[in-house]
PDB file of N, CA and C in Angstrom:
ATOM      1  N   UNK A   1       0.855  -1.158   0.000  1.00  0.00           N
ATOM      2  CA  UNK A   1       0.000   0.000   0.000  1.00  0.00           C
ATOM      3  C   UNK A   1       0.907   1.228   0.000  1.00  0.00           C
ATOM      4  N   UNK A   2       0.500   2.221  -0.771  1.00  0.00           N
ATOM      5  CA  UNK A   2       1.254   3.466  -0.860  1.00  0.00           C
ATOM      6  C   UNK A   2       0.307   4.641  -0.655  1.00  0.00           C
ATOM      7  N   UNK A   3       0.787   5.636   0.074  1.00  0.00           N
ATOM      8  CA  UNK A   3       0.062   6.893   0.243  1.00  0.00           C
ATOM      9  C   UNK A   3       0.801   7.953  -0.555  1.00  0.00           C
ATOM     10  N   UNK A   4       0.110   8.615  -1.459  1.00  0.00           N
ATOM     11  CA  UNK A   4       0.715   9.651  -2.295  1.00  0.00           C
ATOM     12  C   UNK A   4      -0.066  10.941  -2.129  1.00  0.00           C
ATOM     13  N   UNK A   5       0.606  11.973  -1.611  1.00  0.00           N
ATOM     14  CA  UNK A   5      -0.036  13.275  -1.455  1.00  0.00           C
ATOM     15  C   UNK A   5       0.509  14.217  -2.516  1.00  0.00           C
ATOM     16  N   UNK A   6      -0.393  14.946  -3.171  1.00  0.00           N
ATOM     17  CA  UNK A   6      -0.040  15.886  -4.228  1.00  0.00           C
ATOM     18  C   UNK A   6      -0.432  17.289  -3.754  1.00  0.00           C
ATOM     19  N   UNK A   7       0.533  18.065  -3.246  1.00  0.00           N
ATOM     20  CA  UNK A   7       0.202  19.372  -2.675  1.00  0.00           C
ATOM     21  C   UNK A   7      -0.355  20.368  -3.681  1.00  0.00           C
ATOM     22  N   UNK A   8       0.034  20.259  -4.946  1.00  0.00           N
ATOM     23  CA  UNK A   8      -0.460  21.217  -5.934  1.00  0.00           C
ATOM     24  C   UNK A   8      -1.961  21.096  -6.171  1.00  0.00           C
ATOM     25  N   UNK A   9      -2.519  19.903  -5.944  1.00  0.00           N
ATOM     26  CA  UNK A   9      -3.961  19.698  -6.091  1.00  0.00           C
ATOM     27  C   UNK A   9      -4.644  19.372  -4.766  1.00  0.00           C
ATOM     28  N   UNK A  10      -3.852  19.290  -3.681  1.00  0.00           N
ATOM     29  CA  UNK A  10      -4.353  18.924  -2.352  1.00  0.00           C
ATOM     30  C   UNK A  10      -5.162  17.633  -2.427  1.00  0.00           C
ATOM     31  N   UNK A  11      -4.572  16.634  -3.086  1.00  0.00           N
ATOM     32  CA  UNK A  11      -5.248  15.344  -3.186  1.00  0.00           C
ATOM     33  C   UNK A  11      -4.362  14.243  -2.618  1.00  0.00           C
ATOM     34  N   UNK A  12      -5.008  13.258  -2.048  1.00  0.00           N
ATOM     35  CA  UNK A  12      -4.328  12.093  -1.485  1.00  0.00           C
ATOM     36  C   UNK A  12      -4.799  10.874  -2.254  1.00  0.00           C
ATOM     37  N   UNK A  13      -3.846  10.098  -2.768  1.00  0.00           N
ATOM     38  CA  UNK A  13      -4.205   8.851  -3.431  1.00  0.00           C
ATOM     39  C   UNK A  13      -3.638   7.705  -2.618  1.00  0.00           C
ATOM     40  N   UNK A  14      -4.507   6.774  -2.252  1.00  0.00           N
ATOM     41  CA  UNK A  14      -4.107   5.588  -1.506  1.00  0.00           C
ATOM     42  C   UNK A  14      -4.099   4.427  -2.485  1.00  0.00           C
ATOM     43  N   UNK A  15      -2.905   3.971  -2.814  1.00  0.00           N
ATOM     44  CA  UNK A  15      -2.719   2.844  -3.724  1.00  0.00           C
ATOM     45  C   UNK A  15      -2.821   1.557  -2.924  1.00  0.00           C
ATOM     46  N   UNK A  16      -3.828   0.768  -3.180  1.00  0.00           N
ATOM     47  CA  UNK A  16      -4.028  -0.485  -2.444  1.00  0.00           C
ATOM     48  C   UNK A  16      -3.462  -1.690  -3.180  1.00  0.00           C
ATOM     49  N   UNK A  17      -3.183  -1.525  -4.454  1.00  0.00           N
ATOM     50  CA  UNK A  17      -2.735  -2.636  -5.289  1.00  0.00           C
ATOM     51  C   UNK A  17      -1.967  -2.088  -6.476  1.00  0.00           C
ATOM     52  N   UNK A  18      -1.149  -2.920  -7.078  1.00  0.00           N
ATOM     53  CA  UNK A  18      -0.431  -2.523  -8.284  1.00  0.00           C
ATOM     54  C   UNK A  18      -1.251  -2.805  -9.543  1.00  0.00           C
ATOM     55  N   UNK A  19      -2.404  -3.415  -9.375  1.00  0.00           N
ATOM     56  CA  UNK A  19      -3.269  -3.685 -10.530  1.00  0.00           C
ATOM     57  C   UNK A  19      -3.851  -2.378 -11.058  1.00  0.00           C
ATOM     58  N   UNK A  20      -4.010  -2.255 -12.363  1.00  0.00           N
ATOM     59  CA  UNK A  20      -4.563  -1.022 -12.928  1.00  0.00           C
ATOM     60  C   UNK A  20      -6.066  -0.907 -12.663  1.00  0.00           C
ATOM     61  N   UNK A  21      -6.511   0.328 -12.510  1.00  0.00           N
ATOM     62  CA  UNK A  21      -7.945   0.539 -12.337  1.00  0.00           C
ATOM     63  C   UNK A  21      -8.603   0.649 -13.708  1.00  0.00           C
ATOM     64  N   UNK A  22      -9.819   0.115 -13.789  1.00  0.00           N
ATOM     65  CA  UNK A  22     -10.582   0.179 -15.037  1.00  0.00           C
ATOM     66  C   UNK A  22     -11.928   0.867 -14.837  1.00  0.00           C
ATOM     67  N   UNK A  23     -12.283   1.090 -13.576  1.00  0.00           N
ATOM     68  CA  UNK A  23     -13.563   1.725 -13.267  1.00  0.00           C
ATOM     69  C   UNK A  23     -13.404   2.559 -12.011  1.00  0.00           C
ATOM     70  N   UNK A  24     -14.075   3.694 -11.980  1.00  0.00           N
ATOM     71  CA  UNK A  24     -14.039   4.573 -10.814  1.00  0.00           C
ATOM     72  C   UNK A  24     -15.456   4.949 -10.419  1.00  0.00           C
ATOM     73  N   UNK A  25     -15.649   5.139  -9.116  1.00  0.00           N
ATOM     74  CA  UNK A  25     -16.976   5.502  -8.616  1.00  0.00           C
ATOM     75  C   UNK A  25     -16.820   6.541  -7.514  1.00  0.00           C
ATOM     76  N   UNK A  26     -17.451   7.698  -7.690  1.00  0.00           N
ATOM     77  CA  UNK A  26     -17.432   8.722  -6.654  1.00  0.00           C
ATOM     78  C   UNK A  26     -18.459   8.339  -5.599  1.00  0.00           C
ATOM     79  N   UNK A  27     -17.991   8.115  -4.370  1.00  0.00           N
ATOM     80  CA  UNK A  27     -18.882   7.660  -3.304  1.00  0.00           C
ATOM     81  C   UNK A  27     -19.357   8.797  -2.409  1.00  0.00           C
ATOM     82  N   UNK A  28     -18.641   9.887  -2.401  1.00  0.00           N
ATOM     83  CA  UNK A  28     -19.072  11.130  -1.760  1.00  0.00           C
ATOM     84  C   UNK A  28     -18.299  12.245  -2.449  1.00  0.00           C
ATOM     85  N   UNK A  29     -18.671  13.483  -2.173  1.00  0.00           N
ATOM     86  CA  UNK A  29     -18.048  14.591  -2.889  1.00  0.00           C
ATOM     87  C   UNK A  29     -16.529  14.580  -2.715  1.00  0.00           C
ATOM     88  N   UNK A  30     -15.817  14.378  -3.824  1.00  0.00           N
ATOM     89  CA  UNK A  30     -14.364  14.395  -3.805  1.00  0.00           C
ATOM     90  C   UNK A  30     -13.702  13.117  -3.349  1.00  0.00           C
ATOM     91  N   UNK A  31     -14.453  12.049  -3.172  1.00  0.00           N
ATOM     92  CA  UNK A  31     -13.873  10.759  -2.785  1.00  0.00           C
ATOM     93  C   UNK A  31     -14.241   9.737  -3.859  1.00  0.00           C
ATOM     94  N   UNK A  32     -13.203   9.228  -4.527  1.00  0.00           N
ATOM     95  CA  UNK A  32     -13.405   8.314  -5.651  1.00  0.00           C
ATOM     96  C   UNK A  32     -12.717   6.991  -5.354  1.00  0.00           C
ATOM     97  N   UNK A  33     -13.461   5.898  -5.559  1.00  0.00           N
ATOM     98  CA  UNK A  33     -12.909   4.557  -5.409  1.00  0.00           C
ATOM     99  C   UNK A  33     -12.577   4.003  -6.791  1.00  0.00           C
ATOM    100  N   UNK A  34     -11.392   3.414  -6.924  1.00  0.00           N
ATOM    101  CA  UNK A  34     -10.960   2.816  -8.184  1.00  0.00           C
ATOM    102  C   UNK A  34     -10.977   1.296  -8.057  1.00  0.00           C
ATOM    103  N   UNK A  35     -11.488   0.635  -9.106  1.00  0.00           N
ATOM    104  CA  UNK A  35     -11.623  -0.822  -9.114  1.00  0.00           C
ATOM    105  C   UNK A  35     -10.876  -1.422 -10.300  1.00  0.00           C
ATOM    106  N   UNK A  36     -10.402  -2.655 -10.132  1.00  0.00           N
ATOM    107  CA  UNK A  36      -9.756  -3.357 -11.239  1.00  0.00           C
ATOM    108  C   UNK A  36     -10.807  -4.093 -12.074  1.00  0.00           C
ATOM    109  N   UNK A  37     -10.362  -4.849 -13.062  1.00  0.00           N
ATOM    110  CA  UNK A  37     -11.270  -5.543 -13.979  1.00  0.00           C
ATOM    111  C   UNK A  37     -12.136  -6.592 -13.277  1.00  0.00           C
ATOM    112  N   UNK A  38     -11.668  -7.111 -12.136  1.00  0.00           N
ATOM    113  CA  UNK A  38     -12.438  -8.110 -11.391  1.00  0.00           C
ATOM    114  C   UNK A  38     -13.344  -7.482 -10.337  1.00  0.00           C
ATOM    115  N   UNK A  39     -13.354  -6.159 -10.255  1.00  0.00           N
ATOM    116  CA  UNK A  39     -14.197  -5.478  -9.282  1.00  0.00           C
ATOM    117  C   UNK A  39     -13.567  -5.290  -7.923  1.00  0.00           C
ATOM    118  N   UNK A  40     -12.261  -5.559  -7.803  1.00  0.00           N
ATOM    119  CA  UNK A  40     -11.559  -5.374  -6.540  1.00  0.00           C
ATOM    120  C   UNK A  40     -11.135  -3.921  -6.372  1.00  0.00           C
ATOM    121  N   UNK A  41     -11.237  -3.410  -5.164  1.00  0.00           N
ATOM    122  CA  UNK A  41     -10.813  -2.052  -4.865  1.00  0.00           C
ATOM    123  C   UNK A  41      -9.294  -1.967  -4.960  1.00  0.00           C
ATOM    124  N   UNK A  42      -8.789  -1.037  -5.780  1.00  0.00           N
ATOM    125  CA  UNK A  42      -7.341  -0.907  -5.958  1.00  0.00           C
ATOM    126  C   UNK A  42      -6.820   0.464  -5.538  1.00  0.00           C
ATOM    127  N   UNK A  43      -7.693   1.440  -5.324  1.00  0.00           N
ATOM    128  CA  UNK A  43      -7.227   2.752  -4.927  1.00  0.00           C
ATOM    129  C   UNK A  43      -8.343   3.656  -4.461  1.00  0.00           C
ATOM    130  N   UNK A  44      -7.944   4.667  -3.696  1.00  0.00           N
ATOM    131  CA  UNK A  44      -8.878   5.652  -3.173  1.00  0.00           C
ATOM    132  C   UNK A  44      -8.283   7.036  -3.435  1.00  0.00           C
ATOM    133  N   UNK A  45      -9.027   7.882  -4.096  1.00  0.00           N
ATOM    134  CA  UNK A  45      -8.591   9.242  -4.403  1.00  0.00           C
ATOM    135  C   UNK A  45      -9.426  10.215  -3.582  1.00  0.00           C
ATOM    136  N   UNK A  46      -8.753  11.089  -2.823  1.00  0.00           N
ATOM    137  CA  UNK A  46      -9.448  12.047  -1.964  1.00  0.00           C
ATOM    138  C   UNK A  46      -9.025  13.460  -2.370  1.00  0.00           C
ATOM    139  N   UNK A  47      -9.955  14.204  -2.959  1.00  0.00           N
ATOM    140  CA  UNK A  47      -9.707  15.598  -3.323  1.00  0.00           C
ATOM    141  C   UNK A  47      -9.888  16.492  -2.100  1.00  0.00           C
ATOM    142  N   UNK A  48      -9.175  17.613  -2.068  1.00  0.00           N
ATOM    143  CA  UNK A  48      -9.220  18.547  -0.943  1.00  0.00           C
ATOM    144  C   UNK A  48      -8.925  17.805   0.360  1.00  0.00           C
ATOM    145  N   UNK A  49      -7.897  16.970   0.309  1.00  0.00           N
ATOM    146  CA  UNK A  49      -7.573  16.075   1.417  1.00  0.00           C
ATOM    147  C   UNK A  49      -7.287  16.803   2.723  1.00  0.00           C
ATOM    148  N   UNK A  50      -6.620  17.954   2.667  1.00  0.00           N
ATOM    149  CA  UNK A  50      -6.265  18.645   3.914  1.00  0.00           C
ATOM    150  C   UNK A  50      -7.487  19.174   4.662  1.00  0.00           C
ATOM    151  N   UNK A  51      -8.599  19.347   3.965  1.00  0.00           N
ATOM    152  CA  UNK A  51      -9.815  19.793   4.650  1.00  0.00           C
ATOM    153  C   UNK A  51     -10.662  18.613   5.139  1.00  0.00           C
ATOM    154  N   UNK A  52     -10.327  17.397   4.686  1.00  0.00           N
ATOM    155  CA  UNK A  52     -11.087  16.215   5.088  1.00  0.00           C
ATOM    156  C   UNK A  52     -10.338  15.325   6.070  1.00  0.00           C
ATOM    157  N   UNK A  53      -8.996  15.448   6.083  1.00  0.00           N
ATOM    158  CA  UNK A  53      -8.158  14.568   6.897  1.00  0.00           C
ATOM    159  C   UNK A  53      -7.109  15.376   7.641  1.00  0.00           C
ATOM    160  N   UNK A  54      -6.613  14.824   8.739  1.00  0.00           N
ATOM    161  CA  UNK A  54      -5.458  15.411   9.413  1.00  0.00           C
ATOM    162  C   UNK A  54      -4.217  14.768   8.794  1.00  0.00           C
ATOM    163  N   UNK A  55      -3.615  15.457   7.839  1.00  0.00           N
ATOM    164  CA  UNK A  55      -2.482  14.900   7.103  1.00  0.00           C
ATOM    165  C   UNK A  55      -1.185  14.934   7.893  1.00  0.00           C
ATOM    166  N   UNK A  56      -1.198  15.551   9.062  1.00  0.00           N
ATOM    167  CA  UNK A  56       0.018  15.637   9.873  1.00  0.00           C
ATOM    168  C   UNK A  56       0.269  14.371  10.674  1.00  0.00           C
ATOM    169  N   UNK A  57      -0.711  13.478  10.732  1.00  0.00           N
ATOM    170  CA  UNK A  57      -0.566  12.304  11.576  1.00  0.00           C
ATOM    171  C   UNK A  57      -0.984  11.044  10.814  1.00  0.00           C
ATOM    172  N   UNK A  58      -0.140  10.018  10.916  1.00  0.00           N
ATOM    173  CA  UNK A  58      -0.450   8.715  10.341  1.00  0.00           C
ATOM    174  C   UNK A  58      -0.214   7.678  11.428  1.00  0.00           C
ATOM    175  N   UNK A  59      -1.234   6.947  11.775  1.00  0.00           N
ATOM    176  CA  UNK A  59      -1.145   5.945  12.830  1.00  0.00           C
ATOM    177  C   UNK A  59      -1.462   4.585  12.234  1.00  0.00           C
ATOM    178  N   UNK A  60      -0.628   3.622  12.535  1.00  0.00           N
ATOM    179  CA  UNK A  60      -0.899   2.248  12.117  1.00  0.00           C
ATOM    180  C   UNK A  60      -1.019   1.384  13.372  1.00  0.00           C
ATOM    181  N   UNK A  61      -1.934   0.451  13.361  1.00  0.00           N
ATOM    182  CA  UNK A  61      -2.149  -0.426  14.505  1.00  0.00           C
ATOM    183  C   UNK A  61      -2.134  -1.879  14.070  1.00  0.00           C
ATOM    184  N   UNK A  62      -1.316  -2.664  14.717  1.00  0.00           N
ATOM    185  CA  UNK A  62      -1.316  -4.110  14.563  1.00  0.00           C
ATOM    186  C   UNK A  62      -1.156  -4.570  13.118  1.00  0.00           C
ATOM    187  N   UNK A  63      -0.292  -3.913  12.376  1.00  0.00           N
ATOM    188  CA  UNK A  63      -0.036  -4.315  10.993  1.00  0.00           C
ATOM    189  C   UNK A  63       1.191  -5.211  11.006  1.00  0.00           C
ATOM    190  N   UNK A  64       1.045  -6.461  10.570  1.00  0.00           N
ATOM    191  CA  UNK A  64       2.201  -7.368  10.573  1.00  0.00           C
ATOM    192  C   UNK A  64       3.150  -7.019   9.419  1.00  0.00           C
ATOM    193  N   UNK A  65       4.257  -6.396   9.767  1.00  0.00           N
ATOM    194  CA  UNK A  65       5.234  -5.986   8.768  1.00  0.00           C
ATOM    195  C   UNK A  65       6.424  -6.927   8.764  1.00  0.00           C
ATOM    196  N   UNK A  66       6.884  -7.262   7.595  1.00  0.00           N
ATOM    197  CA  UNK A  66       8.086  -8.076   7.447  1.00  0.00           C
ATOM    198  C   UNK A  66       9.095  -7.286   6.636  1.00  0.00           C
ATOM    199  N   UNK A  67      10.351  -7.418   6.996  1.00  0.00           N
ATOM    200  CA  UNK A  67      11.402  -6.711   6.254  1.00  0.00           C
ATOM    201  C   UNK A  67      11.537  -7.319   4.865  1.00  0.00           C
ATOM    202  N   UNK A  68      11.676  -6.453   3.856  1.00  0.00           N
ATOM    203  CA  UNK A  68      11.897  -6.921   2.490  1.00  0.00           C
ATOM    204  C   UNK A  68      13.373  -7.237   2.303  1.00  0.00           C
ATOM    205  N   UNK A  69      13.638  -8.317   1.630  1.00  0.00           N
ATOM    206  CA  UNK A  69      15.039  -8.709   1.380  1.00  0.00           C
ATOM    207  C   UNK A  69      15.625  -7.974   0.209  1.00  0.00           C
TER     208      UNK A  69
END
C-alpha cells in the first residue's frame, strides 16, 4: 500500500494494489474509489484532502510488517 499526497492539487491517493484501475466511482463529494477488472478495490482518491483529513498524523495499529530482502 502506498500513500501519495499531491500538494499542488491537495489530493491524497491511496494505492491499495499494483493492478490497474478500469472503473471509478465517486462515493461522496471528492472521494473516488478505483476498481480493477475483477471489481476489486485498488485505490482511493481524496480531493481537498487537507480539509477532510489530518495529514500531519499517520497511525498504524497491529499491521504485521516483514522486512523486504
